[in-house]
PDB file of N, CA and C in Angstrom:
ATOM      1  N   MET A   1      -9.136  -2.457 -16.235  1.00  0.00           N
ATOM      2  CA  MET A   1      -8.068  -2.401 -15.249  1.00  0.00           C
ATOM      3  C   MET A   1      -8.006  -1.021 -14.589  1.00  0.00           C
ATOM      4  N   MET A   2      -8.315   0.025 -15.355  1.00  0.00           N
ATOM      5  CA  MET A   2      -8.250   1.381 -14.824  1.00  0.00           C
ATOM      6  C   MET A   2      -9.234   1.574 -13.677  1.00  0.00           C
ATOM      7  N   LEU A   3     -10.454   1.044 -13.814  1.00  0.00           N
ATOM      8  CA  LEU A   3     -11.443   1.183 -12.744  1.00  0.00           C
ATOM      9  C   LEU A   3     -10.998   0.445 -11.494  1.00  0.00           C
ATOM     10  N   LYS A   4     -10.361  -0.721 -11.659  1.00  0.00           N
ATOM     11  CA  LYS A   4      -9.849  -1.456 -10.501  1.00  0.00           C
ATOM     12  C   LYS A   4      -8.780  -0.637  -9.784  1.00  0.00           C
ATOM     13  N   ALA A   5      -7.893  -0.014 -10.548  1.00  0.00           N
ATOM     14  CA  ALA A   5      -6.829   0.797  -9.950  1.00  0.00           C
ATOM     15  C   ALA A   5      -7.414   1.987  -9.201  1.00  0.00           C
ATOM     16  N   ILE A   6      -8.439   2.607  -9.764  1.00  0.00           N
ATOM     17  CA  ILE A   6      -9.078   3.745  -9.098  1.00  0.00           C
ATOM     18  C   ILE A   6      -9.750   3.288  -7.812  1.00  0.00           C
ATOM     19  N   GLY A   7     -10.452   2.157  -7.864  1.00  0.00           N
ATOM     20  CA  GLY A   7     -11.095   1.613  -6.665  1.00  0.00           C
ATOM     21  C   GLY A   7     -10.086   1.274  -5.590  1.00  0.00           C
ATOM     22  N   LEU A   8      -8.944   0.729  -5.992  1.00  0.00           N
ATOM     23  CA  LEU A   8      -7.888   0.394  -5.038  1.00  0.00           C
ATOM     24  C   LEU A   8      -7.350   1.651  -4.372  1.00  0.00           C
ATOM     25  N   GLN A   9      -7.129   2.709  -5.158  1.00  0.00           N
ATOM     26  CA  GLN A   9      -6.625   3.963  -4.599  1.00  0.00           C
ATOM     27  C   GLN A   9      -7.599   4.526  -3.572  1.00  0.00           C
ATOM     28  N   ILE A  10      -8.889   4.468  -3.894  1.00  0.00           N
ATOM     29  CA  ILE A  10      -9.905   4.984  -2.972  1.00  0.00           C
ATOM     30  C   ILE A  10      -9.909   4.175  -1.682  1.00  0.00           C
ATOM     31  N   ARG A  11      -9.807   2.842  -1.785  1.00  0.00           N
ATOM     32  CA  ARG A  11      -9.806   2.007  -0.576  1.00  0.00           C
ATOM     33  C   ARG A  11      -8.574   2.259   0.281  1.00  0.00           C
ATOM     34  N   LEU A  12      -7.402   2.388  -0.349  1.00  0.00           N
ATOM     35  CA  LEU A  12      -6.189   2.636   0.433  1.00  0.00           C
ATOM     36  C   LEU A  12      -6.239   4.009   1.081  1.00  0.00           C
ATOM     37  N   ASN A  13      -6.747   5.008   0.362  1.00  0.00           N
ATOM     38  CA  ASN A  13      -6.857   6.360   0.925  1.00  0.00           C
ATOM     39  C   ASN A  13      -7.884   6.420   2.041  1.00  0.00           C
ATOM     40  N   GLY A  14      -9.094   6.004   1.722  1.00  0.00           N
ATOM     41  CA  GLY A  14     -10.212   6.221   2.625  1.00  0.00           C
ATOM     42  C   GLY A  14     -10.361   5.194   3.715  1.00  0.00           C
ATOM     43  N   GLU A  15     -10.084   3.945   3.417  1.00  0.00           N
ATOM     44  CA  GLU A  15     -10.365   2.902   4.389  1.00  0.00           C
ATOM     45  C   GLU A  15      -9.152   2.478   5.195  1.00  0.00           C
ATOM     46  N   TYR A  16      -8.021   2.417   4.574  1.00  0.00           N
ATOM     47  CA  TYR A  16      -6.909   1.786   5.270  1.00  0.00           C
ATOM     48  C   TYR A  16      -5.947   2.779   5.901  1.00  0.00           C
ATOM     49  N   PHE A  17      -5.287   3.578   5.094  1.00  0.00           N
ATOM     50  CA  PHE A  17      -4.233   4.433   5.639  1.00  0.00           C
ATOM     51  C   PHE A  17      -4.759   5.602   6.455  1.00  0.00           C
ATOM     52  N   SER A  18      -6.058   5.835   6.443  1.00  0.00           N
ATOM     53  CA  SER A  18      -6.598   6.857   7.342  1.00  0.00           C
ATOM     54  C   SER A  18      -6.624   6.341   8.782  1.00  0.00           C
ATOM     55  N   ASP A  19      -6.654   5.020   8.953  1.00  0.00           N
ATOM     56  CA  ASP A  19      -6.716   4.419  10.292  1.00  0.00           C
ATOM     57  C   ASP A  19      -5.475   3.631  10.688  1.00  0.00           C
ATOM     58  N   HIS A  20      -4.591   3.322   9.728  1.00  0.00           N
ATOM     59  CA  HIS A  20      -3.429   2.478  10.002  1.00  0.00           C
ATOM     60  C   HIS A  20      -2.153   3.145   9.501  1.00  0.00           C
ATOM     61  N   GLN A  21      -1.053   2.918  10.213  1.00  0.00           N
ATOM     62  CA  GLN A  21       0.228   3.485   9.787  1.00  0.00           C
ATOM     63  C   GLN A  21       0.997   2.534   8.881  1.00  0.00           C
ATOM     64  N   ILE A  22       0.811   1.229   9.062  1.00  0.00           N
ATOM     65  CA  ILE A  22       1.538   0.241   8.271  1.00  0.00           C
ATOM     66  C   ILE A  22       0.555  -0.729   7.631  1.00  0.00           C
ATOM     67  N   MET A  23       1.053  -1.471   6.632  1.00  0.00           N
ATOM     68  CA  MET A  23       0.231  -2.476   5.971  1.00  0.00           C
ATOM     69  C   MET A  23       1.100  -3.678   5.640  1.00  0.00           C
ATOM     70  N   GLN A  24       0.565  -4.855   5.854  1.00  0.00           N
ATOM     71  CA  GLN A  24       1.219  -6.085   5.425  1.00  0.00           C
ATOM     72  C   GLN A  24       0.409  -6.672   4.278  1.00  0.00           C
ATOM     73  N   ARG A  25       0.978  -7.664   3.597  1.00  0.00           N
ATOM     74  CA  ARG A  25       0.283  -8.265   2.467  1.00  0.00           C
ATOM     75  C   ARG A  25      -1.083  -8.804   2.869  1.00  0.00           C
ATOM     76  N   SER A  26      -1.165  -9.430   4.023  1.00  0.00           N
ATOM     77  CA  SER A  26      -2.447  -9.986   4.472  1.00  0.00           C
ATOM     78  C   SER A  26      -3.491  -8.882   4.671  1.00  0.00           C
ATOM     79  N   ASP A  27      -3.055  -7.705   5.114  1.00  0.00           N
ATOM     80  CA  ASP A  27      -3.972  -6.564   5.242  1.00  0.00           C
ATOM     81  C   ASP A  27      -4.485  -6.149   3.861  1.00  0.00           C
ATOM     82  N   PHE A  28      -3.565  -6.084   2.905  1.00  0.00           N
ATOM     83  CA  PHE A  28      -3.912  -5.716   1.531  1.00  0.00           C
ATOM     84  C   PHE A  28      -4.932  -6.705   0.972  1.00  0.00           C
ATOM     85  N   GLN A  29      -4.707  -7.997   1.223  1.00  0.00           N
ATOM     86  CA  GLN A  29      -5.655  -9.013   0.779  1.00  0.00           C
ATOM     87  C   GLN A  29      -7.029  -8.781   1.400  1.00  0.00           C
ATOM     88  N   GLY A  30      -7.055  -8.422   2.665  1.00  0.00           N
ATOM     89  CA  GLY A  30      -8.317  -8.207   3.351  1.00  0.00           C
ATOM     90  C   GLY A  30      -9.124  -7.055   2.788  1.00  0.00           C
ATOM     91  N   ILE A  31      -8.454  -5.963   2.424  1.00  0.00           N
ATOM     92  CA  ILE A  31      -9.212  -4.812   1.921  1.00  0.00           C
ATOM     93  C   ILE A  31      -9.562  -4.929   0.444  1.00  0.00           C
ATOM     94  N   THR A  32      -8.802  -5.757  -0.291  1.00  0.00           N
ATOM     95  CA  THR A  32      -9.071  -5.877  -1.726  1.00  0.00           C
ATOM     96  C   THR A  32      -9.817  -7.152  -2.093  1.00  0.00           C
ATOM     97  N   GLY A  33      -9.764  -8.168  -1.233  1.00  0.00           N
ATOM     98  CA  GLY A  33     -10.379  -9.449  -1.551  1.00  0.00           C
ATOM     99  C   GLY A  33      -9.559 -10.278  -2.528  1.00  0.00           C
ATOM    100  N   MET A  34      -8.308  -9.894  -2.751  1.00  0.00           N
ATOM    101  CA  MET A  34      -7.448 -10.610  -3.697  1.00  0.00           C
ATOM    102  C   MET A  34      -6.797 -11.811  -3.019  1.00  0.00           C
ATOM    103  N   VAL A  35      -6.439 -12.812  -3.838  1.00  0.00           N
ATOM    104  CA  VAL A  35      -5.656 -13.931  -3.326  1.00  0.00           C
ATOM    105  C   VAL A  35      -4.208 -13.474  -3.195  1.00  0.00           C
ATOM    106  N   ARG A  36      -3.398 -14.272  -2.513  1.00  0.00           N
ATOM    107  CA  ARG A  36      -2.016 -13.895  -2.199  1.00  0.00           C
ATOM    108  C   ARG A  36      -1.212 -13.475  -3.435  1.00  0.00           C
ATOM    109  N   SER A  37      -1.230 -14.293  -4.487  1.00  0.00           N
ATOM    110  CA  SER A  37      -0.403 -13.995  -5.663  1.00  0.00           C
ATOM    111  C   SER A  37      -0.833 -12.697  -6.353  1.00  0.00           C
ATOM    112  N   THR A  38      -2.127 -12.467  -6.466  1.00  0.00           N
ATOM    113  CA  THR A  38      -2.623 -11.235  -7.091  1.00  0.00           C
ATOM    114  C   THR A  38      -2.297 -10.027  -6.225  1.00  0.00           C
ATOM    115  N   ALA A  39      -2.421 -10.179  -4.914  1.00  0.00           N
ATOM    116  CA  ALA A  39      -2.076  -9.086  -4.000  1.00  0.00           C
ATOM    117  C   ALA A  39      -0.610  -8.704  -4.161  1.00  0.00           C
ATOM    118  N   MET A  40       0.269  -9.698  -4.275  1.00  0.00           N
ATOM    119  CA  MET A  40       1.699  -9.405  -4.429  1.00  0.00           C
ATOM    120  C   MET A  40       1.982  -8.695  -5.750  1.00  0.00           C
ATOM    121  N   ILE A  41       1.288  -9.068  -6.800  1.00  0.00           N
ATOM    122  CA  ILE A  41       1.461  -8.385  -8.093  1.00  0.00           C
ATOM    123  C   ILE A  41       1.119  -6.905  -7.945  1.00  0.00           C
ATOM    124  N   HIS A  42       0.016  -6.607  -7.276  1.00  0.00           N
ATOM    125  CA  HIS A  42      -0.405  -5.211  -7.111  1.00  0.00           C
ATOM    126  C   HIS A  42       0.511  -4.456  -6.149  1.00  0.00           C
ATOM    127  N   ILE A  43       0.967  -5.104  -5.089  1.00  0.00           N
ATOM    128  CA  ILE A  43       1.901  -4.449  -4.167  1.00  0.00           C
ATOM    129  C   ILE A  43       3.200  -4.123  -4.892  1.00  0.00           C
ATOM    130  N   ARG A  44       3.709  -5.067  -5.689  1.00  0.00           N
ATOM    131  CA  ARG A  44       4.934  -4.807  -6.462  1.00  0.00           C
ATOM    132  C   ARG A  44       4.735  -3.617  -7.398  1.00  0.00           C
ATOM    133  N   ARG A  45       3.578  -3.566  -8.051  1.00  0.00           N
ATOM    134  CA  ARG A  45       3.285  -2.447  -8.960  1.00  0.00           C
ATOM    135  C   ARG A  45       3.263  -1.124  -8.202  1.00  0.00           C
ATOM    136  N   LEU A  46       2.605  -1.100  -7.047  1.00  0.00           N
ATOM    137  CA  LEU A  46       2.535   0.128  -6.250  1.00  0.00           C
ATOM    138  C   LEU A  46       3.921   0.550  -5.773  1.00  0.00           C
ATOM    139  N   ARG A  47       4.770  -0.418  -5.449  1.00  0.00           N
ATOM    140  CA  ARG A  47       6.147  -0.082  -5.057  1.00  0.00           C
ATOM    141  C   ARG A  47       6.919   0.474  -6.245  1.00  0.00           C
ATOM    142  N   GLN A  48       6.766  -0.142  -7.417  1.00  0.00           N
ATOM    143  CA  GLN A  48       7.462   0.340  -8.616  1.00  0.00           C
ATOM    144  C   GLN A  48       6.997   1.736  -9.011  1.00  0.00           C
ATOM    145  N   GLU A  49       5.728   2.030  -8.768  1.00  0.00           N
ATOM    146  CA  GLU A  49       5.189   3.362  -9.065  1.00  0.00           C
ATOM    147  C   GLU A  49       5.583   4.380  -8.005  1.00  0.00           C
ATOM    148  N   GLY A  50       6.230   3.932  -6.931  1.00  0.00           N
ATOM    149  CA  GLY A  50       6.675   4.836  -5.877  1.00  0.00           C
ATOM    150  C   GLY A  50       5.591   5.230  -4.898  1.00  0.00           C
ATOM    151  N   LYS A  51       4.498   4.467  -4.834  1.00  0.00           N
ATOM    152  CA  LYS A  51       3.388   4.804  -3.950  1.00  0.00           C
ATOM    153  C   LYS A  51       3.478   4.114  -2.595  1.00  0.00           C
ATOM    154  N   LEU A  52       4.163   2.981  -2.536  1.00  0.00           N
ATOM    155  CA  LEU A  52       4.383   2.263  -1.277  1.00  0.00           C
ATOM    156  C   LEU A  52       5.868   2.061  -1.075  1.00  0.00           C
ATOM    157  N   GLN A  53       6.277   2.014   0.197  1.00  0.00           N
ATOM    158  CA  GLN A  53       7.662   1.721   0.551  1.00  0.00           C
ATOM    159  C   GLN A  53       7.675   0.572   1.544  1.00  0.00           C
ATOM    160  N   ASN A  54       8.698  -0.278   1.447  1.00  0.00           N
ATOM    161  CA  ASN A  54       8.881  -1.359   2.404  1.00  0.00           C
ATOM    162  C   ASN A  54       9.863  -0.885   3.467  1.00  0.00           C
ATOM    163  N   ILE A  55       9.397  -0.772   4.716  1.00  0.00           N
ATOM    164  CA  ILE A  55      10.287  -0.366   5.804  1.00  0.00           C
ATOM    165  C   ILE A  55      10.754  -1.577   6.602  1.00  0.00           C
ATOM    166  N   GLY A  56      10.298  -2.764   6.208  1.00  0.00           N
ATOM    167  CA  GLY A  56      10.722  -4.001   6.859  1.00  0.00           C
ATOM    168  C   GLY A  56      11.899  -4.595   6.107  1.00  0.00           C
ATOM    169  N   ILE A  57      12.064  -5.893   6.264  1.00  0.00           N
ATOM    170  CA  ILE A  57      13.106  -6.607   5.529  1.00  0.00           C
ATOM    171  C   ILE A  57      12.431  -7.370   4.388  1.00  0.00           C
ATOM    172  N   PRO A  58      13.190  -7.760   3.353  1.00  0.00           N
ATOM    173  CA  PRO A  58      12.556  -8.410   2.199  1.00  0.00           C
ATOM    174  C   PRO A  58      11.711  -9.639   2.550  1.00  0.00           C
ATOM    175  N   SER A  59      12.144 -10.424   3.517  1.00  0.00           N
ATOM    176  CA  SER A  59      11.378 -11.624   3.864  1.00  0.00           C
ATOM    177  C   SER A  59      10.208 -11.336   4.804  1.00  0.00           C
ATOM    178  N   GLN A  60      10.174 -10.150   5.400  1.00  0.00           N
ATOM    179  CA  GLN A  60       9.074  -9.731   6.271  1.00  0.00           C
ATOM    180  C   GLN A  60       8.734  -8.269   5.984  1.00  0.00           C
ATOM    181  N   PRO A  61       8.150  -8.015   4.811  1.00  0.00           N
ATOM    182  CA  PRO A  61       7.889  -6.624   4.424  1.00  0.00           C
ATOM    183  C   PRO A  61       6.796  -5.965   5.255  1.00  0.00           C
ATOM    184  N   ILE A  62       7.007  -4.698   5.507  1.00  0.00           N
ATOM    185  CA  ILE A  62       6.022  -3.837   6.162  1.00  0.00           C
ATOM    186  C   ILE A  62       5.913  -2.606   5.268  1.00  0.00           C
ATOM    187  N   TYR A  63       4.731  -2.380   4.737  1.00  0.00           N
ATOM    188  CA  TYR A  63       4.540  -1.312   3.763  1.00  0.00           C
ATOM    189  C   TYR A  63       3.942  -0.069   4.404  1.00  0.00           C
ATOM    190  N   VAL A  64       4.434   1.075   3.960  1.00  0.00           N
ATOM    191  CA  VAL A  64       3.908   2.374   4.377  1.00  0.00           C
ATOM    192  C   VAL A  64       3.714   3.214   3.119  1.00  0.00           C
ATOM    193  N   PRO A  65       2.840   4.217   3.197  1.00  0.00           N
ATOM    194  CA  PRO A  65       2.678   5.099   2.033  1.00  0.00           C
ATOM    195  C   PRO A  65       3.959   5.888   1.780  1.00  0.00           C
ATOM    196  N   ALA A  66       4.280   6.077   0.534  1.00  0.00           N
ATOM    197  CA  ALA A  66       5.406   6.933   0.182  1.00  0.00           C
ATOM    198  C   ALA A  66       4.985   8.387   0.382  1.00  0.00           C
ATOM    199  N   PRO A  67       5.945   9.281   0.613  1.00  0.00           N
ATOM    200  CA  PRO A  67       5.600  10.696   0.765  1.00  0.00           C
ATOM    201  C   PRO A  67       4.781  11.199  -0.425  1.00  0.00           C
ATOM    202  N   GLY A  68       3.680  11.889  -0.113  1.00  0.00           N
ATOM    203  CA  GLY A  68       2.821  12.444  -1.146  1.00  0.00           C
ATOM    204  C   GLY A  68       1.681  11.538  -1.583  1.00  0.00           C
ATOM    205  N   PHE A  69       1.585  10.336  -0.995  1.00  0.00           N
ATOM    206  CA  PHE A  69       0.538   9.395  -1.385  1.00  0.00           C
ATOM    207  C   PHE A  69      -0.283   8.962  -0.185  1.00  0.00           C
ATOM    208  N   TYR A  70      -1.527   8.605  -0.444  1.00  0.00           N
ATOM    209  CA  TYR A  70      -2.449   8.053   0.553  1.00  0.00           C
ATOM    210  C   TYR A  70      -2.565   8.935   1.792  1.00  0.00           C
ATOM    211  N   GLY A  71      -2.680  10.231   1.563  1.00  0.00           N
ATOM    212  CA  GLY A  71      -2.903  11.169   2.654  1.00  0.00           C
ATOM    213  C   GLY A  71      -1.649  11.629   3.374  1.00  0.00           C
ATOM    214  N   LYS A  72      -0.476  11.190   2.949  1.00  0.00           N
ATOM    215  CA  LYS A  72       0.783  11.618   3.576  1.00  0.00           C
ATOM    216  C   LYS A  72       1.339  12.813   2.810  1.00  0.00           C
ATOM    217  N   SER A  73       1.872  13.779   3.550  1.00  0.00           N
ATOM    218  CA  SER A  73       2.431  14.970   2.902  1.00  0.00           C
ATOM    219  C   SER A  73       3.717  14.607   2.167  1.00  0.00           C
ATOM    220  N   ARG A  74       4.128  15.477   1.280  1.00  0.00           N
ATOM    221  CA  ARG A  74       5.387  15.252   0.551  1.00  0.00           C
ATOM    222  C   ARG A  74       6.595  15.331   1.483  1.00  0.00           C
ATOM    223  N   ASP A  75       6.415  15.940   2.665  1.00  0.00           N
ATOM    224  CA  ASP A  75       7.498  16.049   3.647  1.00  0.00           C
ATOM    225  C   ASP A  75       7.586  14.823   4.554  1.00  0.00           C
ATOM    226  N   TYR A  76       6.601  13.950   4.484  1.00  0.00           N
ATOM    227  CA  TYR A  76       6.523  12.763   5.336  1.00  0.00           C
ATOM    228  C   TYR A  76       7.737  11.860   5.123  1.00  0.00           C
ATOM    229  N   GLN A  77       8.366  11.460   6.215  1.00  0.00           N
ATOM    230  CA  GLN A  77       9.490  10.534   6.165  1.00  0.00           C
ATOM    231  C   GLN A  77       9.170   9.326   7.033  1.00  0.00           C
ATOM    232  N   PRO A  78       8.888   8.170   6.416  1.00  0.00           N
ATOM    233  CA  PRO A  78       8.560   6.990   7.216  1.00  0.00           C
ATOM    234  C   PRO A  78       9.743   6.542   8.059  1.00  0.00           C
ATOM    235  N   VAL A  79       9.442   6.060   9.251  1.00  0.00           N
ATOM    236  CA  VAL A  79      10.474   5.556  10.156  1.00  0.00           C
ATOM    237  C   VAL A  79      10.811   4.138   9.741  1.00  0.00           C
ATOM    238  N   LYS A  80      12.093   3.845   9.618  1.00  0.00           N
ATOM    239  CA  LYS A  80      12.517   2.486   9.237  1.00  0.00           C
ATOM    240  C   LYS A  80      13.005   1.717  10.425  1.00  0.00           C
TER     241      LYS A  80
END
């Protein structure tokens, strides 16, 4: 599981958030190759760890990196 988590961090850092400001679940599925339910498990984990924030509404989430993660400075404040 640790290697998967490291690979995921590298993909989010290098491939996704370097080119995109927001991410939806379908985007996460595309970069990880996970099915919907597995993608949601990992997104929930990343939110609980404080690495992703939802700036959308619960039924239509839009995820952004939390300050200090995925190339964002600790001073970064996502627009809601």
